[in-house]
């Protein structure tokens, strides 16, 4: 520090602004900015008269009313948009429900009976042929169920069970 004699001044000046703002946070502008009466330039400033204050109050009231009217109009517009959107959503929901019901009806009609009977056409097949096909389907379904059960049992256990069955059949 002794090597730099100006260092003290540098620190002092850098801290002076901070100290000044700490001691006088508002500064001194209010001491000369709002004078009432004669000023140095010779012009005088006077406080507002009652009529001027009333005019200003009326102007401020009008501005406030306009602002409130704009806010109210915006709110009404938003409410109308929201109501319109809700109505559209309700209509869309009803349309989707109707479509789903139609699809379900179509599926139910397909499951109810063969399409040949509904259309009134006859393919020439006899009832016996139909019964044979139905019995084949039932047999295939029962085989499918056994295969499905076999899928849940591990192969090791299946092989062990098969060995036990073979040993029992031998004896």
C-alpha atoms as a PDB file:
ATOM      1  CA  UNK A   1       0.000   0.000   0.000  1.00  0.00           C
ATOM      2  CA  UNK A   2       2.905   2.310   0.615  1.00  0.00           C
ATOM      3  CA  UNK A   3       4.034   1.727  -2.942  1.00  0.00           C
ATOM      4  CA  UNK A   4       0.823   3.289  -4.304  1.00  0.00           C
ATOM      5  CA  UNK A   5       0.181   6.670  -2.663  1.00  0.00           C
ATOM      6  CA  UNK A   6      -2.929   7.324  -4.803  1.00  0.00           C
ATOM      7  CA  UNK A   7      -4.521   4.053  -3.740  1.00  0.00           C
ATOM      8  CA  UNK A   8      -6.168   5.667  -0.716  1.00  0.00           C
ATOM      9  CA  UNK A   9      -7.771   8.328  -2.897  1.00  0.00           C
ATOM     10  CA  UNK A  10      -9.017   5.707  -5.342  1.00  0.00           C
ATOM     11  CA  UNK A  11     -10.676   3.727  -2.564  1.00  0.00           C
ATOM     12  CA  UNK A  12     -12.053   6.881  -0.992  1.00  0.00           C
ATOM     13  CA  UNK A  13     -13.681   8.109  -4.180  1.00  0.00           C
ATOM     14  CA  UNK A  14     -15.122   4.700  -5.039  1.00  0.00           C
ATOM     15  CA  UNK A  15     -16.758   4.495  -1.600  1.00  0.00           C
ATOM     16  CA  UNK A  16     -17.950   8.125  -1.563  1.00  0.00           C
ATOM     17  CA  UNK A  17     -20.833   7.486  -4.016  1.00  0.00           C
ATOM     18  CA  UNK A  18     -22.080   4.517  -2.000  1.00  0.00           C
ATOM     19  CA  UNK A  19     -21.877   6.507   1.243  1.00  0.00           C
ATOM     20  CA  UNK A  20     -23.664   9.468  -0.349  1.00  0.00           C
ATOM     21  CA  UNK A  21     -26.543   7.273  -1.589  1.00  0.00           C
ATOM     22  CA  UNK A  22     -26.757   5.620   1.835  1.00  0.00           C
ATOM     23  CA  UNK A  23     -27.006   8.933   3.697  1.00  0.00           C
ATOM     24  CA  UNK A  24     -29.293  10.642   1.155  1.00  0.00           C
ATOM     25  CA  UNK A  25     -31.388   7.951  -0.578  1.00  0.00           C
ATOM     26  CA  UNK A  26     -33.817  10.482  -2.056  1.00  0.00           C
ATOM     27  CA  UNK A  27     -31.109  12.971  -2.979  1.00  0.00           C
ATOM     28  CA  UNK A  28     -31.756  16.682  -2.923  1.00  0.00           C
ATOM     29  CA  UNK A  29     -34.159  16.952  -5.862  1.00  0.00           C
ATOM     30  CA  UNK A  30     -37.142  17.645  -3.609  1.00  0.00           C
ATOM     31  CA  UNK A  31     -35.481  20.748  -2.176  1.00  0.00           C
ATOM     32  CA  UNK A  32     -35.577  22.647  -5.458  1.00  0.00           C
ATOM     33  CA  UNK A  33     -38.031  20.814  -7.768  1.00  0.00           C
ATOM     34  CA  UNK A  34     -41.347  21.621  -6.078  1.00  0.00           C
ATOM     35  CA  UNK A  35     -41.200  25.248  -5.128  1.00  0.00           C
ATOM     36  CA  UNK A  36     -44.337  27.214  -4.556  1.00  0.00           C
ATOM     37  CA  UNK A  37     -43.998  30.893  -5.128  1.00  0.00           C
ATOM     38  CA  UNK A  38     -41.477  32.901  -7.096  1.00  0.00           C
ATOM     39  CA  UNK A  39     -38.555  31.021  -8.613  1.00  0.00           C
ATOM     40  CA  UNK A  40     -35.113  32.239  -9.613  1.00  0.00           C
ATOM     41  CA  UNK A  41     -36.267  32.750 -13.167  1.00  0.00           C
ATOM     42  CA  UNK A  42     -38.997  35.092 -12.001  1.00  0.00           C
ATOM     43  CA  UNK A  43     -41.920  32.814 -12.865  1.00  0.00           C
ATOM     44  CA  UNK A  44     -44.237  31.780 -10.083  1.00  0.00           C
ATOM     45  CA  UNK A  45     -45.736  28.337  -9.447  1.00  0.00           C
ATOM     46  CA  UNK A  46     -49.063  28.055  -7.728  1.00  0.00           C
ATOM     47  CA  UNK A  47     -50.919  24.984  -6.465  1.00  0.00           C
ATOM     48  CA  UNK A  48     -53.917  23.821  -8.484  1.00  0.00           C
ATOM     49  CA  UNK A  49     -57.194  25.652  -7.972  1.00  0.00           C
ATOM     50  CA  UNK A  50     -60.331  23.813  -6.956  1.00  0.00           C
ATOM     51  CA  UNK A  51     -61.754  23.973 -10.511  1.00  0.00           C
ATOM     52  CA  UNK A  52     -58.570  22.539 -12.000  1.00  0.00           C
ATOM     53  CA  UNK A  53     -58.564  19.721  -9.451  1.00  0.00           C
ATOM     54  CA  UNK A  54     -62.220  18.928 -10.278  1.00  0.00           C
ATOM     55  CA  UNK A  55     -61.425  18.844 -14.018  1.00  0.00           C
ATOM     56  CA  UNK A  56     -58.514  16.479 -13.411  1.00  0.00           C
ATOM     57  CA  UNK A  57     -60.686  14.268 -11.183  1.00  0.00           C
ATOM     58  CA  UNK A  58     -63.374  14.124 -13.894  1.00  0.00           C
ATOM     59  CA  UNK A  59     -60.787  13.225 -16.552  1.00  0.00           C
ATOM     60  CA  UNK A  60     -59.339  10.479 -14.323  1.00  0.00           C
ATOM     61  CA  UNK A  61     -62.846   9.154 -13.606  1.00  0.00           C
ATOM     62  CA  UNK A  62     -63.618   8.996 -17.348  1.00  0.00           C
ATOM     63  CA  UNK A  63     -60.392   7.132 -18.022  1.00  0.00           C
ATOM     64  CA  UNK A  64     -61.163   4.691 -15.233  1.00  0.00           C
ATOM     65  CA  UNK A  65     -64.687   4.080 -16.581  1.00  0.00           C
ATOM     66  CA  UNK A  66     -63.355   3.472 -20.098  1.00  0.00           C
ATOM     67  CA  UNK A  67     -60.838   1.013 -18.745  1.00  0.00           C
ATOM     68  CA  UNK A  68     -63.512  -0.836 -16.776  1.00  0.00           C
ATOM     69  CA  UNK A  69     -65.806  -0.929 -19.834  1.00  0.00           C
ATOM     70  CA  UNK A  70     -62.991  -2.436 -21.929  1.00  0.00           C
ATOM     71  CA  UNK A  71     -62.309  -5.050 -19.241  1.00  0.00           C
ATOM     72  CA  UNK A  72     -66.001  -5.921 -19.023  1.00  0.00           C
ATOM     73  CA  UNK A  73     -66.290  -6.243 -22.813  1.00  0.00           C
ATOM     74  CA  UNK A  74     -63.228  -8.509 -22.896  1.00  0.00           C
ATOM     75  CA  UNK A  75     -64.641 -10.699 -20.141  1.00  0.00           C
ATOM     76  CA  UNK A  76     -67.984 -11.005 -21.944  1.00  0.00           C
ATOM     77  CA  UNK A  77     -66.214 -11.872 -25.188  1.00  0.00           C
ATOM     78  CA  UNK A  78     -64.119 -14.519 -23.458  1.00  0.00           C
ATOM     79  CA  UNK A  79     -67.196 -15.974 -21.782  1.00  0.00           C
ATOM     80  CA  UNK A  80     -68.985 -16.160 -25.142  1.00  0.00           C
ATOM     81  CA  UNK A  81     -65.983 -17.911 -26.726  1.00  0.00           C
ATOM     82  CA  UNK A  82     -65.794 -20.338 -23.818  1.00  0.00           C
ATOM     83  CA  UNK A  83     -69.507 -21.122 -24.069  1.00  0.00           C
ATOM     84  CA  UNK A  84     -69.207 -21.662 -27.820  1.00  0.00           C
ATOM     85  CA  UNK A  85     -66.252 -24.012 -27.317  1.00  0.00           C
ATOM     86  CA  UNK A  86     -68.157 -25.979 -24.672  1.00  0.00           C
ATOM     87  CA  UNK A  87     -71.130 -26.351 -27.032  1.00  0.00           C
ATOM     88  CA  UNK A  88     -68.841 -27.552 -29.817  1.00  0.00           C
ATOM     89  CA  UNK A  89     -67.207 -30.036 -27.457  1.00  0.00           C
ATOM     90  CA  UNK A  90     -70.604 -31.353 -26.375  1.00  0.00           C
ATOM     91  CA  UNK A  91     -71.708 -31.764 -30.009  1.00  0.00           C
ATOM     92  CA  UNK A  92     -68.459 -33.525 -30.879  1.00  0.00           C
ATOM     93  CA  UNK A  93     -68.813 -35.820 -27.875  1.00  0.00           C
ATOM     94  CA  UNK A  94     -72.373 -36.729 -28.885  1.00  0.00           C
ATOM     95  CA  UNK A  95     -71.220 -37.417 -32.444  1.00  0.00           C
ATOM     96  CA  UNK A  96     -68.429 -39.694 -31.203  1.00  0.00           C
ATOM     97  CA  UNK A  97     -70.851 -41.553 -28.932  1.00  0.00           C
ATOM     98  CA  UNK A  98     -73.261 -42.057 -31.853  1.00  0.00           C
ATOM     99  CA  UNK A  99     -70.430 -43.371 -34.035  1.00  0.00           C
ATOM    100  CA  UNK A 100     -69.352 -45.807 -31.323  1.00  0.00           C
ATOM    101  CA  UNK A 101     -72.939 -47.022 -30.911  1.00  0.00           C
ATOM    102  CA  UNK A 102     -73.246 -47.545 -34.671  1.00  0.00           C
ATOM    103  CA  UNK A 103     -70.000 -49.539 -34.699  1.00  0.00           C
ATOM    104  CA  UNK A 104     -71.236 -51.670 -31.805  1.00  0.00           C
ATOM    105  CA  UNK A 105     -74.540 -52.278 -33.606  1.00  0.00           C
ATOM    106  CA  UNK A 106     -72.665 -53.364 -36.720  1.00  0.00           C
ATOM    107  CA  UNK A 107     -70.533 -55.764 -34.692  1.00  0.00           C
ATOM    108  CA  UNK A 108     -73.621 -57.144 -32.925  1.00  0.00           C
ATOM    109  CA  UNK A 109     -75.398 -57.671 -36.274  1.00  0.00           C
ATOM    110  CA  UNK A 110     -72.385 -59.535 -37.606  1.00  0.00           C
ATOM    111  CA  UNK A 111     -72.313 -61.770 -34.531  1.00  0.00           C
ATOM    112  CA  UNK A 112     -76.086 -62.426 -34.428  1.00  0.00           C
ATOM    113  CA  UNK A 113     -76.435 -64.543 -37.491  1.00  0.00           C
ATOM    114  CA  UNK A 114     -74.846 -65.483 -40.739  1.00  0.00           C
ATOM    115  CA  UNK A 115     -75.120 -62.814 -43.411  1.00  0.00           C
ATOM    116  CA  UNK A 116     -76.808 -65.288 -45.774  1.00  0.00           C
ATOM    117  CA  UNK A 117     -79.987 -65.425 -43.718  1.00  0.00           C
ATOM    118  CA  UNK A 118     -80.183 -61.661 -43.408  1.00  0.00           C
ATOM    119  CA  UNK A 119     -79.867 -61.075 -47.110  1.00  0.00           C
ATOM    120  CA  UNK A 120     -82.365 -63.809 -47.968  1.00  0.00           C
ATOM    121  CA  UNK A 121     -79.955 -65.734 -50.185  1.00  0.00           C
ATOM    122  CA  UNK A 122     -79.528 -69.475 -49.914  1.00  0.00           C
ATOM    123  CA  UNK A 123     -76.212 -71.017 -50.829  1.00  0.00           C
ATOM    124  CA  UNK A 124     -77.567 -74.528 -51.208  1.00  0.00           C
ATOM    125  CA  UNK A 125     -75.810 -75.937 -48.177  1.00  0.00           C
ATOM    126  CA  UNK A 126     -77.857 -78.190 -46.074  1.00  0.00           C
ATOM    127  CA  UNK A 127     -78.257 -78.004 -42.332  1.00  0.00           C
ATOM    128  CA  UNK A 128     -76.119 -81.138 -41.954  1.00  0.00           C
ATOM    129  CA  UNK A 129     -73.149 -79.429 -43.580  1.00  0.00           C
ATOM    130  CA  UNK A 130     -73.567 -76.470 -41.260  1.00  0.00           C
ATOM    131  CA  UNK A 131     -73.708 -78.764 -38.231  1.00  0.00           C
ATOM    132  CA  UNK A 132     -70.504 -80.529 -39.379  1.00  0.00           C
ATOM    133  CA  UNK A 133     -68.690 -77.211 -39.664  1.00  0.00           C
ATOM    134  CA  UNK A 134     -69.913 -76.132 -36.238  1.00  0.00           C
ATOM    135  CA  UNK A 135     -68.748 -79.396 -34.665  1.00  0.00           C
ATOM    136  CA  UNK A 136     -65.335 -78.943 -36.332  1.00  0.00           C
ATOM    137  CA  UNK A 137     -65.080 -75.428 -34.918  1.00  0.00           C
ATOM    138  CA  UNK A 138     -65.969 -76.681 -31.434  1.00  0.00           C
ATOM    139  CA  UNK A 139     -63.347 -79.444 -31.710  1.00  0.00           C
ATOM    140  CA  UNK A 140     -60.738 -76.916 -32.833  1.00  0.00           C
ATOM    141  CA  UNK A 141     -61.647 -74.613 -29.953  1.00  0.00           C
ATOM    142  CA  UNK A 142     -61.262 -77.405 -27.411  1.00  0.00           C
ATOM    143  CA  UNK A 143     -57.849 -78.276 -28.871  1.00  0.00           C
ATOM    144  CA  UNK A 144     -56.888 -74.619 -28.734  1.00  0.00           C
ATOM    145  CA  UNK A 145     -57.782 -74.464 -25.036  1.00  0.00           C
ATOM    146  CA  UNK A 146     -55.522 -77.427 -24.257  1.00  0.00           C
ATOM    147  CA  UNK A 147     -52.667 -75.843 -26.172  1.00  0.00           C
ATOM    148  CA  UNK A 148     -53.219 -72.576 -24.310  1.00  0.00           C
ATOM    149  CA  UNK A 149     -52.992 -74.358 -20.942  1.00  0.00           C
ATOM    150  CA  UNK A 150     -49.842 -76.132 -22.105  1.00  0.00           C
ATOM    151  CA  UNK A 151     -48.269 -72.760 -22.834  1.00  0.00           C
ATOM    152  CA  UNK A 152     -48.526 -71.765 -19.168  1.00  0.00           C
ATOM    153  CA  UNK A 153     -46.749 -74.900 -17.907  1.00  0.00           C
ATOM    154  CA  UNK A 154     -42.939 -74.836 -18.249  1.00  0.00           C
ATOM    155  CA  UNK A 155     -41.421 -77.377 -20.654  1.00  0.00           C
ATOM    156  CA  UNK A 156     -39.422 -79.065 -17.876  1.00  0.00           C
ATOM    157  CA  UNK A 157     -42.595 -79.832 -15.941  1.00  0.00           C
ATOM    158  CA  UNK A 158     -44.343 -81.037 -19.119  1.00  0.00           C
ATOM    159  CA  UNK A 159     -41.488 -83.435 -19.887  1.00  0.00           C
ATOM    160  CA  UNK A 160     -41.466 -84.746 -16.296  1.00  0.00           C
ATOM    161  CA  UNK A 161     -45.239 -85.329 -16.440  1.00  0.00           C
ATOM    162  CA  UNK A 162     -44.910 -87.139 -19.792  1.00  0.00           C
ATOM    163  CA  UNK A 163     -42.239 -89.459 -18.328  1.00  0.00           C
ATOM    164  CA  UNK A 164     -44.468 -90.268 -15.358  1.00  0.00           C
ATOM    165  CA  UNK A 165     -47.399 -91.045 -17.695  1.00  0.00           C
ATOM    166  CA  UNK A 166     -45.247 -93.360 -19.825  1.00  0.00           C
ATOM    167  CA  UNK A 167     -43.971 -95.184 -16.742  1.00  0.00           C
ATOM    168  CA  UNK A 168     -47.533 -95.689 -15.452  1.00  0.00           C
ATOM    169  CA  UNK A 169     -48.697 -97.034 -18.828  1.00  0.00           C
ATOM    170  CA  UNK A 170     -45.809 -99.526 -18.892  1.00  0.00           C
ATOM    171  CA  UNK A 171     -46.817-101.062 -15.570  1.00  0.00           C
END
